[in-house]
Amino acid sequence: MLKVYSIMVLTMFLWGINVSLLKLLLVEIPPLVMQGTRIFIAGVTLFLILLVMKKKMIYKEMPWKFLLLVSLLGVIAHHSLLATGLFETTAIKSSLILGLAPLITAIIAVATRSTSLTVLRFIGFVIGFI
């Protein structure tokens, strides 16, 4: 159990320090070059991990159009806009924006009636906002 919590704490630490380290890198490297390099290295690393694990990577019935759209918007656009925004503002402001994203998503879900606001969800929202 200690191993699981240690991995969770390490993950939170690396996720939290990510924005600060990006801000430091932006002093030397242009935003789009840095993010393109990061995404490329992550893709090659993932490919190598799957290769070592002997996992099948390409399936005939994969939704290629959907995967392309998700990769463009969810990965490339997100990281490129994050780096460009970090170039223009502070790491603290960027961290606040990224940290509030799940709470804003929850507010939108309740406002559009996609989900209901239960007591437990409300408590989670208040704790998340603190």
C-alpha atoms as a PDB file:
ATOM      1  CA  MET A   1       0.000   0.000   0.000  1.00  0.00           C
ATOM      2  CA  LEU A   2       2.887   2.338   0.768  1.00  0.00           C
ATOM      3  CA  LYS A   3       4.230   1.774  -2.743  1.00  0.00           C
ATOM      4  CA  VAL A   4       0.927   2.871  -4.294  1.00  0.00           C
ATOM      5  CA  TYR A   5       0.789   6.063  -2.213  1.00  0.00           C
ATOM      6  CA  SER A   6       4.434   6.801  -2.969  1.00  0.00           C
ATOM      7  CA  ILE A   7       3.759   6.526  -6.696  1.00  0.00           C
ATOM      8  CA  MET A   8       0.683   8.773  -6.332  1.00  0.00           C
ATOM      9  CA  VAL A   9       2.665  11.422  -4.438  1.00  0.00           C
ATOM     10  CA  LEU A  10       5.483  11.271  -6.993  1.00  0.00           C
ATOM     11  CA  THR A  11       2.958  11.662  -9.825  1.00  0.00           C
ATOM     12  CA  MET A  12       1.340  14.675  -8.139  1.00  0.00           C
ATOM     13  CA  PHE A  13       4.774  16.221  -7.543  1.00  0.00           C
ATOM     14  CA  LEU A  14       5.839  15.770 -11.173  1.00  0.00           C
ATOM     15  CA  TRP A  15       2.479  17.044 -12.431  1.00  0.00           C
ATOM     16  CA  GLY A  16       2.699  20.085 -10.162  1.00  0.00           C
ATOM     17  CA  ILE A  17       6.284  20.971 -11.018  1.00  0.00           C
ATOM     18  CA  ASN A  18       5.603  20.574 -14.742  1.00  0.00           C
ATOM     19  CA  VAL A  19       4.386  24.149 -15.262  1.00  0.00           C
ATOM     20  CA  SER A  20       7.292  25.676 -13.338  1.00  0.00           C
ATOM     21  CA  LEU A  21       9.839  23.690 -15.324  1.00  0.00           C
ATOM     22  CA  LEU A  22       8.117  24.630 -18.576  1.00  0.00           C
ATOM     23  CA  LYS A  23       8.392  28.291 -17.621  1.00  0.00           C
ATOM     24  CA  LEU A  24      12.133  27.867 -17.036  1.00  0.00           C
ATOM     25  CA  LEU A  25      12.590  26.120 -20.390  1.00  0.00           C
ATOM     26  CA  LEU A  26      10.758  28.903 -22.205  1.00  0.00           C
ATOM     27  CA  VAL A  27      13.589  31.281 -21.346  1.00  0.00           C
ATOM     28  CA  GLU A  28      15.856  29.377 -23.747  1.00  0.00           C
ATOM     29  CA  ILE A  29      13.557  27.540 -26.174  1.00  0.00           C
ATOM     30  CA  PRO A  30      10.628  28.888 -28.255  1.00  0.00           C
ATOM     31  CA  PRO A  31       7.250  27.517 -27.056  1.00  0.00           C
ATOM     32  CA  LEU A  32       6.255  25.539 -30.139  1.00  0.00           C
ATOM     33  CA  VAL A  33       9.704  23.989 -30.599  1.00  0.00           C
ATOM     34  CA  MET A  34       9.766  22.897 -26.968  1.00  0.00           C
ATOM     35  CA  GLN A  35       6.285  21.391 -27.041  1.00  0.00           C
ATOM     36  CA  GLY A  36       6.856  19.682 -30.368  1.00  0.00           C
ATOM     37  CA  THR A  37      10.005  18.087 -28.977  1.00  0.00           C
ATOM     38  CA  ARG A  38       8.220  17.010 -25.779  1.00  0.00           C
ATOM     39  CA  ILE A  39       5.320  15.435 -27.680  1.00  0.00           C
ATOM     40  CA  PHE A  40       7.701  13.674 -30.083  1.00  0.00           C
ATOM     41  CA  ILE A  41       9.791  12.245 -27.219  1.00  0.00           C
ATOM     42  CA  ALA A  42       6.625  11.128 -25.393  1.00  0.00           C
ATOM     43  CA  GLY A  43       5.327   9.410 -28.539  1.00  0.00           C
ATOM     44  CA  VAL A  44       8.602   7.583 -29.174  1.00  0.00           C
ATOM     45  CA  THR A  45       8.774   6.550 -25.503  1.00  0.00           C
ATOM     46  CA  LEU A  46       5.223   5.215 -25.586  1.00  0.00           C
ATOM     47  CA  PHE A  47       5.949   3.353 -28.820  1.00  0.00           C
ATOM     48  CA  LEU A  48       9.057   1.754 -27.290  1.00  0.00           C
ATOM     49  CA  ILE A  49       7.186   0.758 -24.115  1.00  0.00           C
ATOM     50  CA  LEU A  50       4.455  -0.902 -26.175  1.00  0.00           C
ATOM     51  CA  LEU A  51       7.090  -2.611 -28.308  1.00  0.00           C
ATOM     52  CA  VAL A  52       8.887  -4.016 -25.252  1.00  0.00           C
ATOM     53  CA  MET A  53       5.559  -5.158 -23.762  1.00  0.00           C
ATOM     54  CA  LYS A  54       4.725  -6.786 -27.118  1.00  0.00           C
ATOM     55  CA  LYS A  55       1.373  -5.012 -27.313  1.00  0.00           C
ATOM     56  CA  LYS A  56      -0.439  -4.718 -30.609  1.00  0.00           C
ATOM     57  CA  MET A  57      -0.538  -1.035 -31.529  1.00  0.00           C
ATOM     58  CA  ILE A  58      -2.603  -0.830 -34.700  1.00  0.00           C
ATOM     59  CA  TYR A  59      -6.006  -2.367 -35.153  1.00  0.00           C
ATOM     60  CA  LYS A  60      -7.967  -2.499 -38.409  1.00  0.00           C
ATOM     61  CA  GLU A  61     -11.125  -1.131 -36.829  1.00  0.00           C
ATOM     62  CA  MET A  62      -9.505   1.867 -35.112  1.00  0.00           C
ATOM     63  CA  PRO A  63     -11.444   5.135 -35.477  1.00  0.00           C
ATOM     64  CA  TRP A  64      -8.601   6.979 -37.212  1.00  0.00           C
ATOM     65  CA  LYS A  65     -10.476  10.248 -37.804  1.00  0.00           C
ATOM     66  CA  PHE A  66     -11.471  10.440 -34.135  1.00  0.00           C
ATOM     67  CA  LEU A  67      -7.931   9.580 -32.989  1.00  0.00           C
ATOM     68  CA  LEU A  68      -6.473  12.257 -35.249  1.00  0.00           C
ATOM     69  CA  LEU A  69      -8.930  14.871 -33.955  1.00  0.00           C
ATOM     70  CA  VAL A  70      -8.273  13.939 -30.327  1.00  0.00           C
ATOM     71  CA  SER A  71      -4.514  14.005 -30.816  1.00  0.00           C
ATOM     72  CA  LEU A  72      -4.660  17.398 -32.533  1.00  0.00           C
ATOM     73  CA  LEU A  73      -6.975  19.050 -30.013  1.00  0.00           C
ATOM     74  CA  GLY A  74      -6.251  17.117 -26.830  1.00  0.00           C
ATOM     75  CA  VAL A  75      -2.485  16.881 -27.093  1.00  0.00           C
ATOM     76  CA  ILE A  76      -0.937  19.172 -29.686  1.00  0.00           C
ATOM     77  CA  ALA A  77      -3.261  22.163 -29.293  1.00  0.00           C
ATOM     78  CA  HIS A  78      -3.380  21.865 -25.491  1.00  0.00           C
ATOM     79  CA  HIS A  79       0.387  21.715 -25.026  1.00  0.00           C
ATOM     80  CA  SER A  80       1.120  24.346 -27.670  1.00  0.00           C
ATOM     81  CA  LEU A  81      -1.374  26.795 -26.194  1.00  0.00           C
ATOM     82  CA  LEU A  82      -0.107  26.049 -22.679  1.00  0.00           C
ATOM     83  CA  ALA A  83       3.479  26.824 -23.691  1.00  0.00           C
ATOM     84  CA  THR A  84       2.460  29.951 -25.582  1.00  0.00           C
ATOM     85  CA  GLY A  85       0.383  31.127 -22.617  1.00  0.00           C
ATOM     86  CA  LEU A  86       3.231  30.414 -20.209  1.00  0.00           C
ATOM     87  CA  PHE A  87       5.476  32.520 -22.397  1.00  0.00           C
ATOM     88  CA  GLU A  88       3.094  35.442 -21.885  1.00  0.00           C
ATOM     89  CA  THR A  89       2.213  35.020 -18.177  1.00  0.00           C
ATOM     90  CA  THR A  90       3.505  33.539 -14.928  1.00  0.00           C
ATOM     91  CA  ALA A  91       3.671  29.882 -13.960  1.00  0.00           C
ATOM     92  CA  ILE A  92       1.417  30.551 -10.948  1.00  0.00           C
ATOM     93  CA  LYS A  93      -1.413  31.924 -13.081  1.00  0.00           C
ATOM     94  CA  SER A  94      -1.081  29.018 -15.499  1.00  0.00           C
ATOM     95  CA  SER A  95      -1.163  26.504 -12.642  1.00  0.00           C
ATOM     96  CA  LEU A  96      -4.322  28.101 -11.275  1.00  0.00           C
ATOM     97  CA  ILE A  97      -6.016  27.914 -14.659  1.00  0.00           C
ATOM     98  CA  LEU A  98      -5.036  24.258 -15.114  1.00  0.00           C
ATOM     99  CA  GLY A  99      -6.066  23.408 -11.557  1.00  0.00           C
ATOM    100  CA  LEU A 100      -9.482  25.014 -11.925  1.00  0.00           C
ATOM    101  CA  ALA A 101     -10.271  23.225 -15.203  1.00  0.00           C
ATOM    102  CA  PRO A 102     -11.892  20.157 -13.545  1.00  0.00           C
ATOM    103  CA  LEU A 103     -14.007  22.389 -11.313  1.00  0.00           C
ATOM    104  CA  ILE A 104     -15.155  24.476 -14.259  1.00  0.00           C
ATOM    105  CA  THR A 105     -16.002  21.258 -16.113  1.00  0.00           C
ATOM    106  CA  ALA A 106     -18.101  20.160 -13.126  1.00  0.00           C
ATOM    107  CA  ILE A 107     -19.926  23.504 -13.078  1.00  0.00           C
ATOM    108  CA  ILE A 108     -20.668  23.230 -16.804  1.00  0.00           C
ATOM    109  CA  ALA A 109     -21.907  19.642 -16.369  1.00  0.00           C
ATOM    110  CA  VAL A 110     -24.330  20.699 -13.633  1.00  0.00           C
ATOM    111  CA  ALA A 111     -25.396  23.871 -15.484  1.00  0.00           C
ATOM    112  CA  THR A 112     -26.195  21.939 -18.670  1.00  0.00           C
ATOM    113  CA  ARG A 113     -27.958  19.254 -16.603  1.00  0.00           C
ATOM    114  CA  SER A 114     -25.556  16.568 -17.851  1.00  0.00           C
ATOM    115  CA  THR A 115     -25.282  15.448 -14.222  1.00  0.00           C
ATOM    116  CA  SER A 116     -27.028  16.231 -10.993  1.00  0.00           C
ATOM    117  CA  LEU A 117     -25.489  18.017  -8.028  1.00  0.00           C
ATOM    118  CA  THR A 118     -25.517  15.575  -5.130  1.00  0.00           C
ATOM    119  CA  VAL A 119     -24.329  16.374  -1.627  1.00  0.00           C
ATOM    120  CA  LEU A 120     -21.176  14.326  -2.159  1.00  0.00           C
ATOM    121  CA  ARG A 121     -20.379  16.141  -5.421  1.00  0.00           C
ATOM    122  CA  PHE A 122     -20.985  19.499  -3.761  1.00  0.00           C
ATOM    123  CA  ILE A 123     -18.590  18.601  -0.929  1.00  0.00           C
ATOM    124  CA  GLY A 124     -16.013  17.480  -3.508  1.00  0.00           C
ATOM    125  CA  PHE A 125     -16.444  20.762  -5.369  1.00  0.00           C
ATOM    126  CA  VAL A 126     -15.928  22.822  -2.199  1.00  0.00           C
ATOM    127  CA  ILE A 127     -12.834  20.812  -1.232  1.00  0.00           C
ATOM    128  CA  GLY A 128     -11.462  21.133  -4.750  1.00  0.00           C
ATOM    129  CA  PHE A 129     -11.980  24.882  -4.724  1.00  0.00           C
ATOM    130  CA  ILE A 130     -10.117  25.261  -1.431  1.00  0.00           C
END
